N, C-alpha and C. Protein backbone atom coordinates (compact mmCIF):
# COMPACT_ATOMS: atom_id res chain seq x y z
N UNK A 1 110.35 79.04 -8.84
CA UNK A 1 111.55 78.27 -8.72
C UNK A 1 112.22 79.14 -7.78
N UNK A 2 112.45 80.33 -7.83
CA UNK A 2 113.18 80.99 -6.74
C UNK A 2 113.00 80.90 -5.37
N UNK A 3 111.74 80.72 -5.22
CA UNK A 3 111.96 80.60 -3.74
C UNK A 3 112.06 79.30 -3.34
N UNK A 4 111.40 78.13 -3.73
CA UNK A 4 112.22 76.95 -3.64
C UNK A 4 113.63 77.09 -3.49
N UNK A 5 114.54 77.45 -4.22
CA UNK A 5 115.90 77.46 -3.90
C UNK A 5 116.00 78.14 -2.43
N UNK A 6 115.73 79.20 -2.50
CA UNK A 6 116.02 79.81 -0.89
C UNK A 6 115.48 79.26 0.39
N UNK A 7 114.52 78.62 0.07
CA UNK A 7 114.55 77.37 1.31
C UNK A 7 114.69 76.60 1.65
N UNK A 8 115.19 76.12 0.44
CA UNK A 8 116.03 74.75 0.59
C UNK A 8 117.70 75.36 0.79
N UNK A 9 117.81 76.51 0.82
CA UNK A 9 119.19 76.84 1.22
C UNK A 9 118.92 77.07 2.86
N UNK A 10 117.92 78.02 3.60
CA UNK A 10 117.81 77.76 4.67
C UNK A 10 117.67 76.69 5.47
N UNK A 11 116.80 75.65 4.54
CA UNK A 11 117.29 74.07 5.81
C UNK A 11 118.21 74.07 5.76
N UNK A 12 119.08 73.56 4.69
CA UNK A 12 120.48 73.19 4.65
C UNK A 12 121.18 74.13 6.04
N UNK A 13 121.31 75.37 5.78
CA UNK A 13 121.81 75.80 7.14
C UNK A 13 121.59 75.76 8.11
N UNK A 14 120.40 75.54 8.62
CA UNK A 14 119.83 75.30 9.97
C UNK A 14 120.40 73.92 10.32
N UNK A 15 120.01 73.19 9.44
CA UNK A 15 120.55 71.50 9.68
C UNK A 15 121.87 71.31 10.19
N UNK A 16 122.68 71.80 9.06
CA UNK A 16 124.27 71.94 9.29
C UNK A 16 124.73 72.55 10.57
N UNK A 17 124.07 73.30 11.47
CA UNK A 17 124.37 74.10 12.63
C UNK A 17 124.33 73.03 13.77
N UNK A 18 123.72 71.92 13.52
CA UNK A 18 123.10 71.02 14.44
C UNK A 18 121.80 71.43 15.60
N UNK A 19 120.87 72.69 15.09
CA UNK A 19 120.31 72.79 15.63
C UNK A 19 119.01 73.23 14.57
N UNK A 20 117.75 73.18 15.02
CA UNK A 20 116.76 72.90 14.19
C UNK A 20 115.78 73.91 15.26
N UNK A 21 114.43 74.89 14.57
CA UNK A 21 113.64 75.56 15.06
C UNK A 21 112.51 75.01 16.17
N UNK A 22 112.37 73.82 15.66
CA UNK A 22 110.89 72.94 16.19
C UNK A 22 109.86 72.53 15.44
N UNK A 23 110.15 73.46 14.00
CA UNK A 23 109.47 73.23 13.13
C UNK A 23 108.95 71.96 12.64
N UNK A 24 108.01 71.69 11.91
CA UNK A 24 107.42 70.55 11.01
C UNK A 24 109.10 70.04 10.94
N UNK A 25 109.18 68.72 11.01
CA UNK A 25 110.31 67.97 10.50
C UNK A 25 109.82 67.00 8.72
N UNK A 26 110.19 67.30 7.54
CA UNK A 26 109.52 66.69 6.55
C UNK A 26 109.47 65.23 6.82
N UNK A 27 108.69 64.49 6.33
CA UNK A 27 108.82 62.92 6.47
C UNK A 27 108.96 62.42 7.74
N UNK A 28 108.76 63.34 8.91
CA UNK A 28 108.51 62.52 10.14
C UNK A 28 107.36 63.40 10.65
N UNK A 29 105.99 62.02 11.02
CA UNK A 29 104.85 62.55 11.79
C UNK A 29 104.87 61.53 12.79
N UNK A 30 104.36 62.61 13.84
CA UNK A 30 104.21 61.80 15.22
C UNK A 30 105.06 62.23 15.86
N UNK A 31 105.33 60.88 17.18
CA UNK A 31 105.19 60.01 16.69
C UNK A 31 103.57 59.99 17.67
N UNK A 32 102.62 58.84 17.48
CA UNK A 32 101.51 58.71 18.29
C UNK A 32 101.54 58.42 19.64
N UNK A 33 100.24 58.29 20.34
CA UNK A 33 100.30 58.12 21.76
C UNK A 33 101.12 57.01 22.68
N UNK A 34 101.38 55.74 21.70
CA UNK A 34 102.06 54.44 22.25
C UNK A 34 103.57 54.80 21.81
N UNK A 35 103.37 55.17 20.60
CA UNK A 35 104.70 55.16 20.36
C UNK A 35 105.73 56.76 21.02
N UNK A 36 105.00 57.43 21.58
CA UNK A 36 105.67 58.13 22.41
C UNK A 36 105.72 58.07 23.40
N UNK A 37 104.79 57.18 23.95
CA UNK A 37 105.30 56.74 25.70
C UNK A 37 106.74 55.64 25.57
N UNK A 38 106.47 54.84 24.41
CA UNK A 38 107.72 54.19 24.39
C UNK A 38 108.86 54.99 23.85
N UNK A 39 109.05 55.96 23.29
CA UNK A 39 110.17 56.68 23.64
C UNK A 39 110.56 57.07 24.65
N UNK A 40 109.30 57.82 25.07
CA UNK A 40 110.04 58.33 26.50
C UNK A 40 110.51 57.86 27.25
N UNK A 41 110.05 56.37 27.85
CA UNK A 41 110.53 54.93 28.57
C UNK A 41 111.75 54.82 28.46
N UNK A 42 111.90 54.83 26.78
CA UNK A 42 113.46 54.44 26.31
C UNK A 42 114.63 55.69 27.17
N UNK A 43 113.69 56.75 26.74
CA UNK A 43 115.28 57.64 27.16
C UNK A 43 115.36 57.82 28.80
N UNK A 44 114.06 57.91 29.32
CA UNK A 44 114.00 57.29 31.07
C UNK A 44 115.22 56.30 31.31
N UNK A 45 115.28 55.55 30.69
CA UNK A 45 116.26 54.12 30.66
C UNK A 45 117.84 54.84 30.60
N UNK A 46 118.02 55.61 30.07
CA UNK A 46 118.80 56.07 30.04
C UNK A 46 119.53 57.49 30.24
N UNK A 47 118.56 58.05 30.56
CA UNK A 47 119.16 59.26 31.77
C UNK A 47 117.48 59.73 32.14
N UNK A 48 117.09 59.83 33.16
CA UNK A 48 115.64 60.22 33.64
C UNK A 48 115.85 62.07 32.82
N UNK A 49 116.90 62.71 33.35
CA UNK A 49 116.80 63.87 33.08
C UNK A 49 116.24 63.99 31.33
N UNK A 50 116.22 63.16 30.58
CA UNK A 50 116.04 63.71 29.18
C UNK A 50 114.77 63.31 29.07
N UNK A 51 113.70 63.02 30.04
CA UNK A 51 112.17 63.67 29.78
C UNK A 51 111.60 64.62 30.93
N UNK A 52 112.58 65.47 31.11
CA UNK A 52 112.25 66.49 32.32
C UNK A 52 111.12 67.33 31.86
N UNK A 53 111.31 67.32 30.26
CA UNK A 53 110.15 68.45 29.46
C UNK A 53 109.74 67.38 28.54
N UNK A 54 109.12 66.48 28.75
CA UNK A 54 108.51 65.60 27.53
C UNK A 54 108.25 66.02 26.46
N UNK A 55 108.00 67.37 25.98
CA UNK A 55 107.64 67.71 24.67
C UNK A 55 108.66 68.23 24.02
N UNK A 56 109.82 68.79 25.13
CA UNK A 56 111.31 69.11 24.29
C UNK A 56 112.04 67.68 24.08
N UNK A 57 111.61 66.70 24.70
CA UNK A 57 112.58 65.43 24.62
C UNK A 57 112.03 65.09 23.03
N UNK A 58 110.47 65.20 22.99
CA UNK A 58 110.03 64.67 21.28
C UNK A 58 110.78 65.77 20.47
N UNK A 59 110.56 67.05 20.40
CA UNK A 59 111.28 67.44 19.41
C UNK A 59 112.37 67.22 19.02
N UNK A 60 113.33 66.58 20.27
CA UNK A 60 114.68 66.78 20.18
C UNK A 60 114.63 65.53 19.56
N UNK A 61 114.17 64.45 19.46
CA UNK A 61 113.94 63.24 18.77
C UNK A 61 113.44 63.48 17.51
N UNK A 62 112.54 64.07 17.00
CA UNK A 62 112.21 64.75 15.98
C UNK A 62 113.33 65.33 15.03
N UNK A 63 113.77 66.06 15.54
CA UNK A 63 115.29 66.59 14.83
C UNK A 63 116.20 65.69 14.92
N UNK A 64 116.62 64.91 15.62
CA UNK A 64 117.19 63.59 15.45
C UNK A 64 116.95 63.20 14.31
N UNK A 65 115.57 62.63 14.25
CA UNK A 65 115.33 62.04 12.63
C UNK A 65 115.84 62.98 11.26
N UNK A 66 115.67 64.15 11.76
CA UNK A 66 116.21 64.81 10.66
C UNK A 66 117.83 64.48 10.30
N UNK A 67 118.33 64.33 11.30
CA UNK A 67 119.80 64.23 10.67
C UNK A 67 119.93 62.59 10.30
N UNK A 68 118.94 61.55 10.91
CA UNK A 68 119.19 60.41 10.26
C UNK A 68 118.65 60.70 8.53
N UNK A 69 117.35 61.62 8.33
CA UNK A 69 116.93 61.51 6.96
C UNK A 69 118.25 61.65 5.87
N UNK A 70 118.62 62.92 6.47
CA UNK A 70 119.80 63.45 5.86
C UNK A 70 121.11 62.75 5.72
N UNK A 71 121.11 61.66 6.29
CA UNK A 71 122.34 61.06 6.28
C UNK A 71 123.72 61.29 6.60
N UNK A 72 123.55 62.44 7.88
CA UNK A 72 124.67 62.93 8.72
C UNK A 72 125.29 61.44 8.90
N UNK A 73 126.66 61.88 9.08
CA UNK A 73 127.85 60.87 9.91
C UNK A 73 127.37 60.59 10.72
N UNK A 74 126.91 59.22 11.76
CA UNK A 74 126.94 58.97 12.92
C UNK A 74 127.60 59.66 14.12
N UNK A 75 128.64 60.19 13.92
CA UNK A 75 129.44 60.88 15.39
C UNK A 75 128.56 62.28 15.21
N UNK A 76 128.73 62.54 14.10
CA UNK A 76 127.73 63.95 14.11
C UNK A 76 126.18 63.96 14.65
N UNK A 77 125.49 62.99 14.39
CA UNK A 77 124.05 62.68 14.72
C UNK A 77 124.37 62.45 16.05
N UNK A 78 125.24 62.04 16.99
CA UNK A 78 125.65 61.86 18.30
C UNK A 78 125.66 63.40 18.88
N UNK A 79 126.58 64.13 18.23
CA UNK A 79 127.07 65.59 18.88
C UNK A 79 125.84 66.31 18.73
N UNK A 80 124.86 66.13 17.83
CA UNK A 80 123.89 66.94 17.41
C UNK A 80 123.08 66.75 18.77
N UNK A 81 122.72 65.08 18.73
CA UNK A 81 121.71 64.88 20.08
C UNK A 81 122.17 65.48 21.31
N UNK A 82 123.16 65.23 21.77
CA UNK A 82 123.82 65.79 23.28
C UNK A 82 124.11 67.50 23.18
N UNK A 83 124.22 68.00 21.99
CA UNK A 83 123.96 69.73 22.07
C UNK A 83 122.30 69.77 22.16
N UNK A 84 121.53 69.21 21.82
CA UNK A 84 119.77 68.92 21.80
C UNK A 84 119.69 69.17 23.02
N UNK A 85 120.13 68.08 23.81
CA UNK A 85 119.63 67.68 25.49
C UNK A 85 120.52 68.48 26.33
N UNK A 86 121.59 69.35 26.31
CA UNK A 86 122.48 69.70 26.67
C UNK A 86 122.01 71.05 27.62
N UNK A 87 120.65 71.31 27.96
CA UNK A 87 120.00 72.18 28.79
C UNK A 87 119.75 71.21 29.81
N UNK A 88 118.88 69.87 29.56
CA UNK A 88 118.54 68.96 30.73
C UNK A 88 119.36 68.26 31.08
N UNK A 89 120.45 67.72 29.94
CA UNK A 89 121.71 66.82 30.58
C UNK A 89 123.00 67.14 30.21
N UNK A 90 123.72 68.41 30.97
CA UNK A 90 124.73 68.75 30.09
C UNK A 90 125.79 67.77 29.96
N UNK A 91 125.89 67.03 30.82
CA UNK A 91 126.75 65.98 30.76
C UNK A 91 126.70 64.59 29.93
N UNK A 92 125.60 64.71 29.04
CA UNK A 92 124.82 63.72 28.26
C UNK A 92 126.07 62.77 27.73
N UNK A 93 126.44 61.57 28.20
CA UNK A 93 127.23 60.56 27.31
C UNK A 93 127.12 60.10 26.33
N UNK A 94 127.94 59.49 24.89
CA UNK A 94 127.96 59.47 23.83
C UNK A 94 126.85 58.21 23.75
N UNK A 95 127.00 57.43 24.62
CA UNK A 95 126.17 55.90 24.48
C UNK A 95 124.63 56.30 24.99
N UNK A 96 124.15 57.19 25.78
CA UNK A 96 122.93 57.90 25.69
C UNK A 96 122.28 58.72 24.69
N UNK A 97 123.25 59.57 24.03
CA UNK A 97 123.02 59.88 22.90
C UNK A 97 122.54 58.96 21.95
N UNK A 98 123.65 58.17 22.00
CA UNK A 98 123.27 57.05 20.94
C UNK A 98 121.85 56.32 21.26
N UNK A 99 121.36 55.99 22.48
CA UNK A 99 120.11 55.53 22.69
C UNK A 99 118.88 56.50 22.59
N UNK A 100 119.04 57.52 22.25
CA UNK A 100 117.81 58.41 22.14
C UNK A 100 117.86 58.36 20.65
N UNK A 101 118.83 58.17 19.72
CA UNK A 101 118.88 58.07 18.39
C UNK A 101 118.34 57.11 18.03
N UNK A 102 118.73 55.76 18.92
CA UNK A 102 117.95 54.75 18.10
C UNK A 102 116.53 54.45 18.84
N UNK A 103 116.14 55.12 19.72
CA UNK A 103 114.73 55.17 20.08
C UNK A 103 114.02 56.42 19.19
N UNK A 104 115.22 57.51 18.30
CA UNK A 104 113.97 57.83 17.81
C UNK A 104 113.74 57.46 16.60
N UNK A 105 114.56 56.38 16.06
CA UNK A 105 114.57 55.97 14.86
C UNK A 105 113.29 54.54 14.98
N UNK A 106 113.23 54.29 15.91
CA UNK A 106 112.37 52.91 16.33
C UNK A 106 111.24 53.75 16.59
N UNK A 107 110.59 54.63 17.36
CA UNK A 107 109.29 55.16 17.31
C UNK A 107 109.12 56.62 17.04
N UNK A 108 109.80 57.07 16.33
CA UNK A 108 109.48 58.58 15.78
C UNK A 108 109.58 58.52 14.30
N UNK A 109 110.56 58.09 13.82
CA UNK A 109 110.88 57.84 12.48
C UNK A 109 111.37 56.48 11.77
N UNK A 110 110.84 55.34 12.20
CA UNK A 110 111.10 53.93 11.75
C UNK A 110 111.14 53.88 10.53
N UNK A 111 110.77 54.96 9.29
CA UNK A 111 111.11 54.41 8.13
C UNK A 111 112.15 55.30 7.67
N UNK A 112 113.22 55.97 8.61
CA UNK A 112 114.13 56.59 8.07
C UNK A 112 115.10 55.51 7.54
């Protein structure tokens, strides 16, 4: 019982900071090939720099799903997404971050 408590606390701390370590995201599997392509194409329409590293873009989307699943407030989700992509797109605007979140919800975690 104590082990579960420790794991839960560590997970919450990571999520509250807005960053995740890229580990498996509970409740989020995929995306499969067609969904991955659709997700990345949507990101390219928002800003081509978002897909400079496609694997990182997918990981960022998966972590965005974690925010969605945890019912974080919309502005927090957008801010977290801006931080996740800050290396590739340091000037990512809120509208583009919202597009990334919508794509993540549609193609990575549609059941969220």
